[in-house]
C-alpha atoms as a PDB file:
ATOM      1  CA  UNK A   1     -18.577  45.421  90.557  1.00  0.00           C
ATOM      2  CA  UNK A   2     -15.753  44.385  88.407  1.00  0.00           C
ATOM      3  CA  UNK A   3     -15.278  41.364  86.929  1.00  0.00           C
ATOM      4  CA  UNK A   4     -11.798  39.697  87.333  1.00  0.00           C
ATOM      5  CA  UNK A   5      -9.937  38.131  84.259  1.00  0.00           C
ATOM      6  CA  UNK A   6     -10.813  34.318  83.770  1.00  0.00           C
ATOM      7  CA  UNK A   7      -7.463  31.944  84.103  1.00  0.00           C
ATOM      8  CA  UNK A   8      -8.272  31.578  80.111  1.00  0.00           C
ATOM      9  CA  UNK A   9      -8.008  34.951  79.309  1.00  0.00           C
ATOM     10  CA  UNK A  10      -4.804  35.152  81.647  1.00  0.00           C
ATOM     11  CA  UNK A  11      -3.036  32.443  80.058  1.00  0.00           C
ATOM     12  CA  UNK A  12      -3.930  33.414  76.325  1.00  0.00           C
ATOM     13  CA  UNK A  13      -0.651  33.703  74.258  1.00  0.00           C
ATOM     14  CA  UNK A  14       1.308  32.315  76.661  1.00  0.00           C
ATOM     15  CA  UNK A  15       1.879  28.739  75.098  1.00  0.00           C
ATOM     16  CA  UNK A  16       5.409  28.814  76.342  1.00  0.00           C
ATOM     17  CA  UNK A  17       4.310  27.536  79.775  1.00  0.00           C
ATOM     18  CA  UNK A  18       3.169  24.322  77.917  1.00  0.00           C
ATOM     19  CA  UNK A  19       6.955  24.030  77.350  1.00  0.00           C
ATOM     20  CA  UNK A  20       7.816  24.846  80.893  1.00  0.00           C
ATOM     21  CA  UNK A  21       5.527  22.232  82.106  1.00  0.00           C
ATOM     22  CA  UNK A  22       7.048  19.688  79.660  1.00  0.00           C
ATOM     23  CA  UNK A  23      10.632  20.478  81.035  1.00  0.00           C
ATOM     24  CA  UNK A  24       9.404  19.918  84.650  1.00  0.00           C
ATOM     25  CA  UNK A  25       7.746  16.869  83.937  1.00  0.00           C
ATOM     26  CA  UNK A  26      10.729  15.677  82.079  1.00  0.00           C
ATOM     27  CA  UNK A  27      12.705  17.175  85.042  1.00  0.00           C
ATOM     28  CA  UNK A  28      10.584  14.763  87.728  1.00  0.00           C
ATOM     29  CA  UNK A  29      10.882  11.508  85.443  1.00  0.00           C
ATOM     30  CA  UNK A  30      14.501  12.310  85.145  1.00  0.00           C
ATOM     31  CA  UNK A  31      14.804  12.486  89.153  1.00  0.00           C
ATOM     32  CA  UNK A  32      12.548   9.702  89.786  1.00  0.00           C
ATOM     33  CA  UNK A  33      14.714   7.106  87.370  1.00  0.00           C
ATOM     34  CA  UNK A  34      17.596   8.536  88.870  1.00  0.00           C
ATOM     35  CA  UNK A  35      16.512   7.746  92.537  1.00  0.00           C
ATOM     36  CA  UNK A  36      15.612   4.354  91.662  1.00  0.00           C
ATOM     37  CA  UNK A  37      19.037   3.421  90.277  1.00  0.00           C
ATOM     38  CA  UNK A  38      20.692   0.912  92.397  1.00  0.00           C
ATOM     39  CA  UNK A  39      24.590   0.888  91.984  1.00  0.00           C
ATOM     40  CA  UNK A  40      27.096  -0.794  94.797  1.00  0.00           C
ATOM     41  CA  UNK A  41      29.364   1.747  96.187  1.00  0.00           C
ATOM     42  CA  UNK A  42      32.682   1.931  94.765  1.00  0.00           C
ATOM     43  CA  UNK A  43      35.925   3.412  96.600  1.00  0.00           C
ATOM     44  CA  UNK A  44      37.399   4.126  92.865  1.00  0.00           C
ATOM     45  CA  UNK A  45      34.594   6.007  92.023  1.00  0.00           C
ATOM     46  CA  UNK A  46      33.161   8.134  94.607  1.00  0.00           C
ATOM     47  CA  UNK A  47      31.144  10.211  92.626  1.00  0.00           C
ATOM     48  CA  UNK A  48      29.174   7.423  90.877  1.00  0.00           C
ATOM     49  CA  UNK A  49      26.823   6.719  88.045  1.00  0.00           C
ATOM     50  CA  UNK A  50      23.442   8.616  89.552  1.00  0.00           C
ATOM     51  CA  UNK A  51      25.611  12.033  89.405  1.00  0.00           C
ATOM     52  CA  UNK A  52      24.820  12.957  85.873  1.00  0.00           C
ATOM     53  CA  UNK A  53      20.845  12.131  86.147  1.00  0.00           C
ATOM     54  CA  UNK A  54      20.465  14.191  89.038  1.00  0.00           C
ATOM     55  CA  UNK A  55      22.444  17.075  87.492  1.00  0.00           C
ATOM     56  CA  UNK A  56      20.469  16.799  84.290  1.00  0.00           C
ATOM     57  CA  UNK A  57      16.940  16.651  86.351  1.00  0.00           C
ATOM     58  CA  UNK A  58      18.347  19.494  88.336  1.00  0.00           C
ATOM     59  CA  UNK A  59      18.709  21.425  85.321  1.00  0.00           C
ATOM     60  CA  UNK A  60      15.365  20.629  83.419  1.00  0.00           C
ATOM     61  CA  UNK A  61      13.551  21.678  86.543  1.00  0.00           C
ATOM     62  CA  UNK A  62      15.708  24.898  86.921  1.00  0.00           C
ATOM     63  CA  UNK A  63      14.908  25.932  83.281  1.00  0.00           C
ATOM     64  CA  UNK A  64      11.135  25.225  83.401  1.00  0.00           C
ATOM     65  CA  UNK A  65      10.880  27.327  86.605  1.00  0.00           C
ATOM     66  CA  UNK A  66      12.838  30.239  85.170  1.00  0.00           C
ATOM     67  CA  UNK A  67      10.869  29.986  81.955  1.00  0.00           C
ATOM     68  CA  UNK A  68       7.279  29.523  83.518  1.00  0.00           C
ATOM     69  CA  UNK A  69       8.665  32.828  85.678  1.00  0.00           C
ATOM     70  CA  UNK A  70       9.417  34.877  82.584  1.00  0.00           C
ATOM     71  CA  UNK A  71       6.373  33.895  80.661  1.00  0.00           C
ATOM     72  CA  UNK A  72       4.410  34.419  83.764  1.00  0.00           C
ATOM     73  CA  UNK A  73       6.352  38.090  83.587  1.00  0.00           C
ATOM     74  CA  UNK A  74       5.630  38.605  79.986  1.00  0.00           C
ATOM     75  CA  UNK A  75       8.221  37.177  78.068  1.00  0.00           C
ATOM     76  CA  UNK A  76       7.473  35.535  74.470  1.00  0.00           C
ATOM     77  CA  UNK A  77       9.616  33.521  72.567  1.00  0.00           C
ATOM     78  CA  UNK A  78      10.592  35.182  69.215  1.00  0.00           C
ATOM     79  CA  UNK A  79       8.486  34.423  66.156  1.00  0.00           C
ATOM     80  CA  UNK A  80      10.251  32.216  63.178  1.00  0.00           C
ATOM     81  CA  UNK A  81      11.654  35.166  61.098  1.00  0.00           C
ATOM     82  CA  UNK A  82      13.552  32.793  58.357  1.00  0.00           C
ATOM     83  CA  UNK A  83      12.857  34.038  54.914  1.00  0.00           C
ATOM     84  CA  UNK A  84      12.598  30.477  53.476  1.00  0.00           C
ATOM     85  CA  UNK A  85       9.325  30.118  56.090  1.00  0.00           C
ATOM     86  CA  UNK A  86       6.404  30.688  54.940  1.00  0.00           C
ATOM     87  CA  UNK A  87       4.220  30.607  58.573  1.00  0.00           C
ATOM     88  CA  UNK A  88       0.715  30.913  56.403  1.00  0.00           C
ATOM     89  CA  UNK A  89       1.882  27.597  54.330  1.00  0.00           C
ATOM     90  CA  UNK A  90       0.009  24.426  56.557  1.00  0.00           C
ATOM     91  CA  UNK A  91       2.412  21.831  57.349  1.00  0.00           C
ATOM     92  CA  UNK A  92       3.259  19.160  55.103  1.00  0.00           C
ATOM     93  CA  UNK A  93       1.317  16.113  56.002  1.00  0.00           C
ATOM     94  CA  UNK A  94       2.345  14.123  53.042  1.00  0.00           C
ATOM     95  CA  UNK A  95       6.074  14.481  54.926  1.00  0.00           C
ATOM     96  CA  UNK A  96       5.363  14.602  58.510  1.00  0.00           C
ATOM     97  CA  UNK A  97       3.048  11.379  58.508  1.00  0.00           C
ATOM     98  CA  UNK A  98       5.488   9.024  56.787  1.00  0.00           C
ATOM     99  CA  UNK A  99       8.671  10.264  58.685  1.00  0.00           C
ATOM    100  CA  UNK A 100       6.563   9.964  62.032  1.00  0.00           C
ATOM    101  CA  UNK A 101       5.814   6.406  60.940  1.00  0.00           C
ATOM    102  CA  UNK A 102       9.181   5.594  59.972  1.00  0.00           C
ATOM    103  CA  UNK A 103      10.478   6.315  63.609  1.00  0.00           C
ATOM    104  CA  UNK A 104       7.394   4.562  64.836  1.00  0.00           C
ATOM    105  CA  UNK A 105       8.462   1.465  62.972  1.00  0.00           C
ATOM    106  CA  UNK A 106      12.119   2.275  64.092  1.00  0.00           C
ATOM    107  CA  UNK A 107      10.778   2.052  68.292  1.00  0.00           C
ATOM    108  CA  UNK A 108       8.860  -1.228  67.319  1.00  0.00           C
ATOM    109  CA  UNK A 109      11.653  -2.857  65.527  1.00  0.00           C
ATOM    110  CA  UNK A 110      14.757  -1.937  67.428  1.00  0.00           C
ATOM    111  CA  UNK A 111      14.565  -4.813  69.982  1.00  0.00           C
ATOM    112  CA  UNK A 112      13.685  -7.718  67.854  1.00  0.00           C
ATOM    113  CA  UNK A 113      15.326  -6.995  64.485  1.00  0.00           C
ATOM    114  CA  UNK A 114      18.494  -4.933  66.127  1.00  0.00           C
ATOM    115  CA  UNK A 115      19.730  -1.612  65.641  1.00  0.00           C
ATOM    116  CA  UNK A 116      21.440  -2.224  62.215  1.00  0.00           C
ATOM    117  CA  UNK A 117      17.972  -3.230  60.770  1.00  0.00           C
ATOM    118  CA  UNK A 118      15.754  -1.000  62.435  1.00  0.00           C
ATOM    119  CA  UNK A 119      18.146   1.778  61.768  1.00  0.00           C
ATOM    120  CA  UNK A 120      18.346   0.765  57.864  1.00  0.00           C
ATOM    121  CA  UNK A 121      14.454   1.404  57.612  1.00  0.00           C
ATOM    122  CA  UNK A 122      14.669   4.238  59.905  1.00  0.00           C
ATOM    123  CA  UNK A 123      17.473   6.180  57.502  1.00  0.00           C
ATOM    124  CA  UNK A 124      16.152   4.774  54.132  1.00  0.00           C
ATOM    125  CA  UNK A 125      12.679   5.225  54.870  1.00  0.00           C
ATOM    126  CA  UNK A 126      13.324   9.185  56.018  1.00  0.00           C
ATOM    127  CA  UNK A 127      15.189   9.748  52.863  1.00  0.00           C
ATOM    128  CA  UNK A 128      12.064   8.381  50.971  1.00  0.00           C
ATOM    129  CA  UNK A 129       9.685  10.709  53.068  1.00  0.00           C
ATOM    130  CA  UNK A 130      11.947  13.843  52.356  1.00  0.00           C
ATOM    131  CA  UNK A 131      11.795  13.083  48.483  1.00  0.00           C
ATOM    132  CA  UNK A 132      14.614  11.152  47.527  1.00  0.00           C
ATOM    133  CA  UNK A 133      14.211   8.617  44.642  1.00  0.00           C
ATOM    134  CA  UNK A 134      17.643   7.115  44.497  1.00  0.00           C
ATOM    135  CA  UNK A 135      16.497   3.756  46.066  1.00  0.00           C
ATOM    136  CA  UNK A 136      19.857   1.698  45.551  1.00  0.00           C
ATOM    137  CA  UNK A 137      22.085   4.684  46.905  1.00  0.00           C
ATOM    138  CA  UNK A 138      19.895   5.559  49.527  1.00  0.00           C
ATOM    139  CA  UNK A 139      19.531   1.966  50.839  1.00  0.00           C
ATOM    140  CA  UNK A 140      23.447   1.409  50.725  1.00  0.00           C
ATOM    141  CA  UNK A 141      23.721   4.453  52.404  1.00  0.00           C
ATOM    142  CA  UNK A 142      21.541   3.563  54.702  1.00  0.00           C
ATOM    143  CA  UNK A 143      23.373   0.263  55.780  1.00  0.00           C
ATOM    144  CA  UNK A 144      26.647   2.164  55.753  1.00  0.00           C
ATOM    145  CA  UNK A 145      25.419   4.726  57.990  1.00  0.00           C
ATOM    146  CA  UNK A 146      23.540   1.813  60.668  1.00  0.00           C
ATOM    147  CA  UNK A 147      26.780  -0.019  60.615  1.00  0.00           C
ATOM    148  CA  UNK A 148      28.912   2.659  61.023  1.00  0.00           C
ATOM    149  CA  UNK A 149      26.610   4.116  63.982  1.00  0.00           C
ATOM    150  CA  UNK A 150      26.466   0.274  65.458  1.00  0.00           C
ATOM    151  CA  UNK A 151      30.381  -0.179  65.600  1.00  0.00           C
ATOM    152  CA  UNK A 152      30.736   3.779  66.337  1.00  0.00           C
ATOM    153  CA  UNK A 153      28.871   3.559  69.638  1.00  0.00           C
ATOM    154  CA  UNK A 154      30.162  -0.094  70.528  1.00  0.00           C
ATOM    155  CA  UNK A 155      33.902   0.427  69.665  1.00  0.00           C
ATOM    156  CA  UNK A 156      33.725   4.305  70.365  1.00  0.00           C
ATOM    157  CA  UNK A 157      31.572   4.324  73.474  1.00  0.00           C
ATOM    158  CA  UNK A 158      31.452   0.895  74.545  1.00  0.00           C
ATOM    159  CA  UNK A 159      27.903   0.988  74.301  1.00  0.00           C
ATOM    160  CA  UNK A 160      26.443  -1.918  72.705  1.00  0.00           C
ATOM    161  CA  UNK A 161      22.927  -1.427  70.431  1.00  0.00           C
ATOM    162  CA  UNK A 162      20.596  -4.443  70.170  1.00  0.00           C
ATOM    163  CA  UNK A 163      21.631  -6.950  67.575  1.00  0.00           C
ATOM    164  CA  UNK A 164      18.583  -8.486  67.003  1.00  0.00           C
ATOM    165  CA  UNK A 165      18.286 -10.645  64.339  1.00  0.00           C
ATOM    166  CA  UNK A 166      22.201 -10.259  63.327  1.00  0.00           C
ATOM    167  CA  UNK A 167      23.319 -11.255  66.588  1.00  0.00           C
ATOM    168  CA  UNK A 168      26.294 -13.765  66.079  1.00  0.00           C
ATOM    169  CA  UNK A 169      27.131 -11.879  62.841  1.00  0.00           C
ATOM    170  CA  UNK A 170      28.016  -8.592  63.833  1.00  0.00           C
END
């Protein structure tokens, strides 16, 4: 009597299936969100704003299926071979955790404080987490970068980022 391989043994070494699953989930999420868009019909714009989300969702789903098929057929991603990467060295949690904290803080602050303030915190905190100790220069660069991106989005793309506490000033 032969024993058939278990699911765990068949999936061993195929972690890329998790990436395929994530791509598929994001594709479904984008598709559901696109279906829920309510837009008035316009004769001047027959394509409408739903087109790009449908294309993105479709591409994500196609990529997820193709990746899953490739992995099931035995395909694998190439291991990192960079000369400056030591794969035996553990993650640098003293850098990763502060960076994650700064990103979470940005998410929490952006609606209330606005992009310029939360972006400044994001950029300055990222510089600190990555080891820079030029506090004043980094602070000034962070404010400048936040203002540049705020006005770049507004003037260049027509997208208004939240002004928050600086509403009426910016």
